[in-house]
Amino acid sequence: MLVNEPQTQQDARVVLFTRSGCHLCDEAREVVARVCESAGQRWREVDVDGDAGLADRYGEYVPVVEVDGVQQGFWHVDADRLARRLAPGPVRGARP
């Protein structure tokens, strides 16, 4: 698995914002881990309750997933959408 390795957290393309006790976060973690492993991409998890700004921004929306700093979804992570965002080459429907 390519998560939580201290030397690689900063270069992770995928960030999963979660909080403790969130059952949707547990499901999202499994999806993100599976998709990122399949795509050979690093990811990291951030507990929003550890930062007041993040808690204000994402609190009611967790889990939230970002790819390359762009929010891709919240509450439920769509595995197919995440895989498309991680695929090499241009993303269909993306603006130049």
N, C-alpha and C. Protein backbone atom coordinates (compact mmCIF):
# COMPACT_ATOMS: atom_id res chain seq x y z
N MET A 1 0.85 -1.18 0.00
CA MET A 1 0.00 0.00 0.00
C MET A 1 0.89 1.24 0.00
N LEU A 2 0.43 2.29 -0.64
CA LEU A 2 1.24 3.48 -0.83
C LEU A 2 0.75 4.66 0.01
N VAL A 3 0.39 4.41 1.25
CA VAL A 3 -0.11 5.48 2.10
C VAL A 3 0.68 5.54 3.40
N ASN A 4 0.68 6.73 3.99
CA ASN A 4 1.26 6.94 5.31
C ASN A 4 2.73 6.60 5.41
N GLU A 5 3.45 6.64 4.33
CA GLU A 5 4.90 6.54 4.38
C GLU A 5 5.40 7.97 4.49
N PRO A 6 6.02 8.35 5.62
CA PRO A 6 6.35 9.75 5.88
C PRO A 6 7.07 10.45 4.73
N GLN A 7 7.96 9.76 4.05
CA GLN A 7 8.72 10.41 2.99
C GLN A 7 7.89 10.65 1.73
N THR A 8 6.70 10.05 1.64
CA THR A 8 5.91 10.17 0.42
C THR A 8 4.61 10.92 0.60
N GLN A 9 4.24 11.28 1.81
CA GLN A 9 2.96 11.93 2.02
C GLN A 9 2.82 13.23 1.26
N GLN A 10 3.89 13.99 1.16
CA GLN A 10 3.79 15.29 0.51
C GLN A 10 3.62 15.19 -1.00
N ASP A 11 4.05 14.07 -1.60
CA ASP A 11 3.91 13.94 -3.05
C ASP A 11 2.69 13.11 -3.43
N ALA A 12 1.79 12.87 -2.51
CA ALA A 12 0.57 12.11 -2.79
C ALA A 12 -0.35 12.94 -3.69
N ARG A 13 -0.84 12.33 -4.76
CA ARG A 13 -1.79 13.00 -5.66
C ARG A 13 -3.18 13.03 -5.07
N VAL A 14 -3.49 12.04 -4.26
CA VAL A 14 -4.84 11.89 -3.72
C VAL A 14 -4.82 12.18 -2.22
N VAL A 15 -5.76 13.01 -1.79
CA VAL A 15 -5.91 13.30 -0.37
C VAL A 15 -7.34 12.95 0.01
N LEU A 16 -7.48 12.16 1.07
CA LEU A 16 -8.78 11.78 1.59
C LEU A 16 -8.96 12.47 2.93
N PHE A 17 -9.94 13.36 3.02
CA PHE A 17 -10.25 14.06 4.27
C PHE A 17 -11.31 13.26 5.01
N THR A 18 -11.01 12.93 6.27
CA THR A 18 -11.89 12.07 7.06
C THR A 18 -12.02 12.60 8.48
N ARG A 19 -12.76 11.85 9.28
CA ARG A 19 -12.82 12.10 10.72
C ARG A 19 -13.10 10.78 11.41
N SER A 20 -12.71 10.70 12.64
CA SER A 20 -12.89 9.50 13.44
C SER A 20 -14.38 9.21 13.64
N GLY A 21 -14.74 7.93 13.60
CA GLY A 21 -16.11 7.52 13.85
C GLY A 21 -17.04 7.69 12.67
N CYS A 22 -16.49 7.96 11.51
CA CYS A 22 -17.29 8.20 10.30
C CYS A 22 -17.33 6.91 9.47
N HIS A 23 -18.49 6.25 9.41
CA HIS A 23 -18.57 5.00 8.66
C HIS A 23 -18.40 5.20 7.17
N LEU A 24 -18.84 6.35 6.64
CA LEU A 24 -18.61 6.63 5.23
C LEU A 24 -17.12 6.80 4.94
N CYS A 25 -16.38 7.33 5.91
CA CYS A 25 -14.93 7.49 5.76
C CYS A 25 -14.26 6.13 5.67
N ASP A 26 -14.74 5.17 6.45
CA ASP A 26 -14.18 3.82 6.38
C ASP A 26 -14.38 3.22 4.99
N GLU A 27 -15.56 3.40 4.44
CA GLU A 27 -15.84 2.90 3.09
C GLU A 27 -14.98 3.62 2.05
N ALA A 28 -14.88 4.93 2.18
CA ALA A 28 -14.09 5.72 1.23
C ALA A 28 -12.62 5.32 1.28
N ARG A 29 -12.10 5.08 2.47
CA ARG A 29 -10.71 4.67 2.64
C ARG A 29 -10.42 3.39 1.84
N GLU A 30 -11.33 2.45 1.91
CA GLU A 30 -11.16 1.19 1.17
C GLU A 30 -11.15 1.43 -0.34
N VAL A 31 -12.05 2.28 -0.82
CA VAL A 31 -12.12 2.58 -2.25
C VAL A 31 -10.85 3.30 -2.70
N VAL A 32 -10.45 4.32 -1.96
CA VAL A 32 -9.25 5.09 -2.33
C VAL A 32 -8.01 4.19 -2.32
N ALA A 33 -7.87 3.36 -1.31
CA ALA A 33 -6.71 2.46 -1.22
C ALA A 33 -6.68 1.52 -2.42
N ARG A 34 -7.82 0.95 -2.76
CA ARG A 34 -7.88 -0.01 -3.87
C ARG A 34 -7.57 0.66 -5.20
N VAL A 35 -8.20 1.80 -5.47
CA VAL A 35 -8.02 2.49 -6.74
C VAL A 35 -6.59 3.02 -6.87
N CYS A 36 -6.06 3.60 -5.81
CA CYS A 36 -4.70 4.14 -5.86
C CYS A 36 -3.67 3.04 -6.02
N GLU A 37 -3.88 1.92 -5.36
CA GLU A 37 -2.95 0.80 -5.51
C GLU A 37 -2.97 0.31 -6.95
N SER A 38 -4.15 0.19 -7.52
CA SER A 38 -4.29 -0.27 -8.90
C SER A 38 -3.63 0.70 -9.88
N ALA A 39 -3.73 2.00 -9.60
CA ALA A 39 -3.16 3.03 -10.48
C ALA A 39 -1.70 3.32 -10.17
N GLY A 40 -1.17 2.74 -9.08
CA GLY A 40 0.22 2.99 -8.71
C GLY A 40 0.43 4.40 -8.19
N GLN A 41 -0.60 4.97 -7.57
CA GLN A 41 -0.52 6.34 -7.07
C GLN A 41 -0.51 6.37 -5.55
N ARG A 42 0.17 7.35 -5.01
CA ARG A 42 0.23 7.53 -3.56
C ARG A 42 -0.99 8.34 -3.11
N TRP A 43 -1.40 8.08 -1.87
CA TRP A 43 -2.48 8.85 -1.28
C TRP A 43 -2.19 9.06 0.19
N ARG A 44 -2.88 10.03 0.74
CA ARG A 44 -2.73 10.28 2.17
C ARG A 44 -4.09 10.63 2.74
N GLU A 45 -4.20 10.43 4.03
CA GLU A 45 -5.45 10.70 4.74
C GLU A 45 -5.21 11.82 5.74
N VAL A 46 -6.16 12.73 5.81
CA VAL A 46 -6.07 13.86 6.73
C VAL A 46 -7.33 13.88 7.59
N ASP A 47 -7.14 13.86 8.90
CA ASP A 47 -8.25 13.96 9.85
C ASP A 47 -8.61 15.43 10.00
N VAL A 48 -9.80 15.81 9.56
CA VAL A 48 -10.18 17.23 9.58
C VAL A 48 -10.31 17.78 11.00
N ASP A 49 -10.52 16.90 11.96
CA ASP A 49 -10.67 17.37 13.33
C ASP A 49 -9.35 17.80 13.95
N GLY A 50 -8.25 17.56 13.27
CA GLY A 50 -6.95 18.00 13.75
C GLY A 50 -6.61 19.41 13.36
N ASP A 51 -7.50 20.07 12.59
CA ASP A 51 -7.25 21.42 12.09
C ASP A 51 -8.59 22.15 12.03
N ALA A 52 -8.73 23.23 12.79
CA ALA A 52 -10.00 23.95 12.86
C ALA A 52 -10.46 24.44 11.49
N GLY A 53 -9.54 24.89 10.65
CA GLY A 53 -9.90 25.36 9.32
C GLY A 53 -10.46 24.25 8.45
N LEU A 54 -9.83 23.08 8.52
CA LEU A 54 -10.32 21.94 7.74
C LEU A 54 -11.66 21.45 8.29
N ALA A 55 -11.80 21.46 9.60
CA ALA A 55 -13.07 21.03 10.21
C ALA A 55 -14.21 21.95 9.76
N ASP A 56 -13.94 23.26 9.69
CA ASP A 56 -14.95 24.21 9.22
C ASP A 56 -15.28 23.99 7.75
N ARG A 57 -14.25 23.73 6.96
CA ARG A 57 -14.42 23.59 5.51
C ARG A 57 -15.09 22.27 5.12
N TYR A 58 -14.66 21.16 5.73
CA TYR A 58 -15.11 19.84 5.29
C TYR A 58 -15.99 19.10 6.29
N GLY A 59 -16.16 19.64 7.49
CA GLY A 59 -16.79 18.92 8.59
C GLY A 59 -18.01 18.10 8.26
N GLU A 60 -19.01 18.67 7.65
CA GLU A 60 -20.25 17.96 7.35
C GLU A 60 -20.20 17.20 6.04
N TYR A 61 -19.12 17.32 5.31
CA TYR A 61 -19.02 16.71 3.99
C TYR A 61 -18.12 15.49 3.93
N VAL A 62 -17.42 15.18 5.01
CA VAL A 62 -16.48 14.05 4.97
C VAL A 62 -17.22 12.75 4.70
N PRO A 63 -16.59 11.85 4.01
CA PRO A 63 -15.26 11.96 3.44
C PRO A 63 -15.25 12.81 2.17
N VAL A 64 -14.16 13.53 1.99
CA VAL A 64 -13.94 14.34 0.79
C VAL A 64 -12.65 13.85 0.15
N VAL A 65 -12.66 13.67 -1.17
CA VAL A 65 -11.46 13.23 -1.86
C VAL A 65 -11.04 14.31 -2.86
N GLU A 66 -9.73 14.58 -2.87
CA GLU A 66 -9.13 15.52 -3.82
C GLU A 66 -8.07 14.80 -4.62
N VAL A 67 -7.96 15.16 -5.89
CA VAL A 67 -6.87 14.69 -6.75
C VAL A 67 -6.16 15.91 -7.28
N ASP A 68 -4.87 15.98 -7.05
CA ASP A 68 -4.06 17.12 -7.48
C ASP A 68 -4.66 18.45 -7.02
N GLY A 69 -5.21 18.45 -5.80
CA GLY A 69 -5.74 19.66 -5.21
C GLY A 69 -7.14 20.04 -5.65
N VAL A 70 -7.79 19.20 -6.47
CA VAL A 70 -9.13 19.49 -6.98
C VAL A 70 -10.11 18.51 -6.35
N GLN A 71 -11.14 19.05 -5.70
CA GLN A 71 -12.13 18.19 -5.06
C GLN A 71 -12.85 17.35 -6.11
N GLN A 72 -12.94 16.04 -5.86
CA GLN A 72 -13.58 15.12 -6.78
C GLN A 72 -14.92 14.62 -6.27
N GLY A 73 -15.17 14.76 -5.00
CA GLY A 73 -16.44 14.31 -4.48
C GLY A 73 -16.44 14.30 -2.96
N PHE A 74 -17.62 14.04 -2.41
CA PHE A 74 -17.75 13.95 -0.97
C PHE A 74 -18.86 12.94 -0.65
N TRP A 75 -18.89 12.49 0.58
CA TRP A 75 -19.79 11.49 1.14
C TRP A 75 -19.53 10.09 0.59
N HIS A 76 -19.57 9.92 -0.73
CA HIS A 76 -19.29 8.62 -1.34
C HIS A 76 -18.25 8.82 -2.43
N VAL A 77 -17.22 7.99 -2.43
CA VAL A 77 -16.17 8.08 -3.44
C VAL A 77 -16.54 7.15 -4.59
N ASP A 78 -16.62 7.71 -5.79
CA ASP A 78 -16.92 6.94 -6.99
C ASP A 78 -15.60 6.36 -7.51
N ALA A 79 -15.45 5.05 -7.42
CA ALA A 79 -14.20 4.39 -7.80
C ALA A 79 -13.86 4.62 -9.27
N ASP A 80 -14.85 4.56 -10.15
CA ASP A 80 -14.60 4.75 -11.58
C ASP A 80 -14.14 6.18 -11.87
N ARG A 81 -14.79 7.14 -11.24
CA ARG A 81 -14.39 8.54 -11.44
C ARG A 81 -12.97 8.77 -10.94
N LEU A 82 -12.66 8.24 -9.77
CA LEU A 82 -11.32 8.39 -9.22
C LEU A 82 -10.29 7.75 -10.14
N ALA A 83 -10.58 6.57 -10.64
CA ALA A 83 -9.65 5.88 -11.55
C ALA A 83 -9.42 6.70 -12.82
N ARG A 84 -10.47 7.31 -13.35
CA ARG A 84 -10.31 8.14 -14.55
C ARG A 84 -9.42 9.34 -14.27
N ARG A 85 -9.56 9.94 -13.09
CA ARG A 85 -8.74 11.10 -12.74
C ARG A 85 -7.27 10.73 -12.57
N LEU A 86 -7.03 9.49 -12.21
CA LEU A 86 -5.65 9.04 -11.98
C LEU A 86 -5.01 8.44 -13.23
N ALA A 87 -5.80 8.21 -14.26
CA ALA A 87 -5.28 7.61 -15.48
C ALA A 87 -4.35 8.59 -16.18
N PRO A 88 -3.32 8.06 -16.85
CA PRO A 88 -2.41 8.94 -17.59
C PRO A 88 -3.13 9.61 -18.76
N GLY A 89 -2.62 10.76 -19.15
CA GLY A 89 -3.20 11.47 -20.30
C GLY A 89 -4.27 12.44 -19.88
N PRO A 90 -4.86 13.13 -20.87
CA PRO A 90 -5.88 14.13 -20.55
C PRO A 90 -7.15 13.47 -20.03
N VAL A 91 -7.82 14.18 -19.16
CA VAL A 91 -9.07 13.70 -18.59
C VAL A 91 -10.20 14.12 -19.53
N ARG A 92 -11.05 13.17 -19.89
CA ARG A 92 -12.18 13.51 -20.75
C ARG A 92 -13.06 14.53 -20.06
N GLY A 93 -13.46 15.53 -20.81
CA GLY A 93 -14.33 16.55 -20.25
C GLY A 93 -13.57 17.65 -19.52
N ALA A 94 -12.27 17.52 -19.41
CA ALA A 94 -11.48 18.55 -18.73
C ALA A 94 -11.22 19.71 -19.67
N ARG A 95 -11.18 20.88 -19.13
CA ARG A 95 -10.87 22.06 -19.93
C ARG A 95 -9.38 22.21 -20.07
N PRO A 96 -8.92 22.68 -21.22
CA PRO A 96 -7.46 22.88 -21.39
C PRO A 96 -6.94 23.98 -20.52
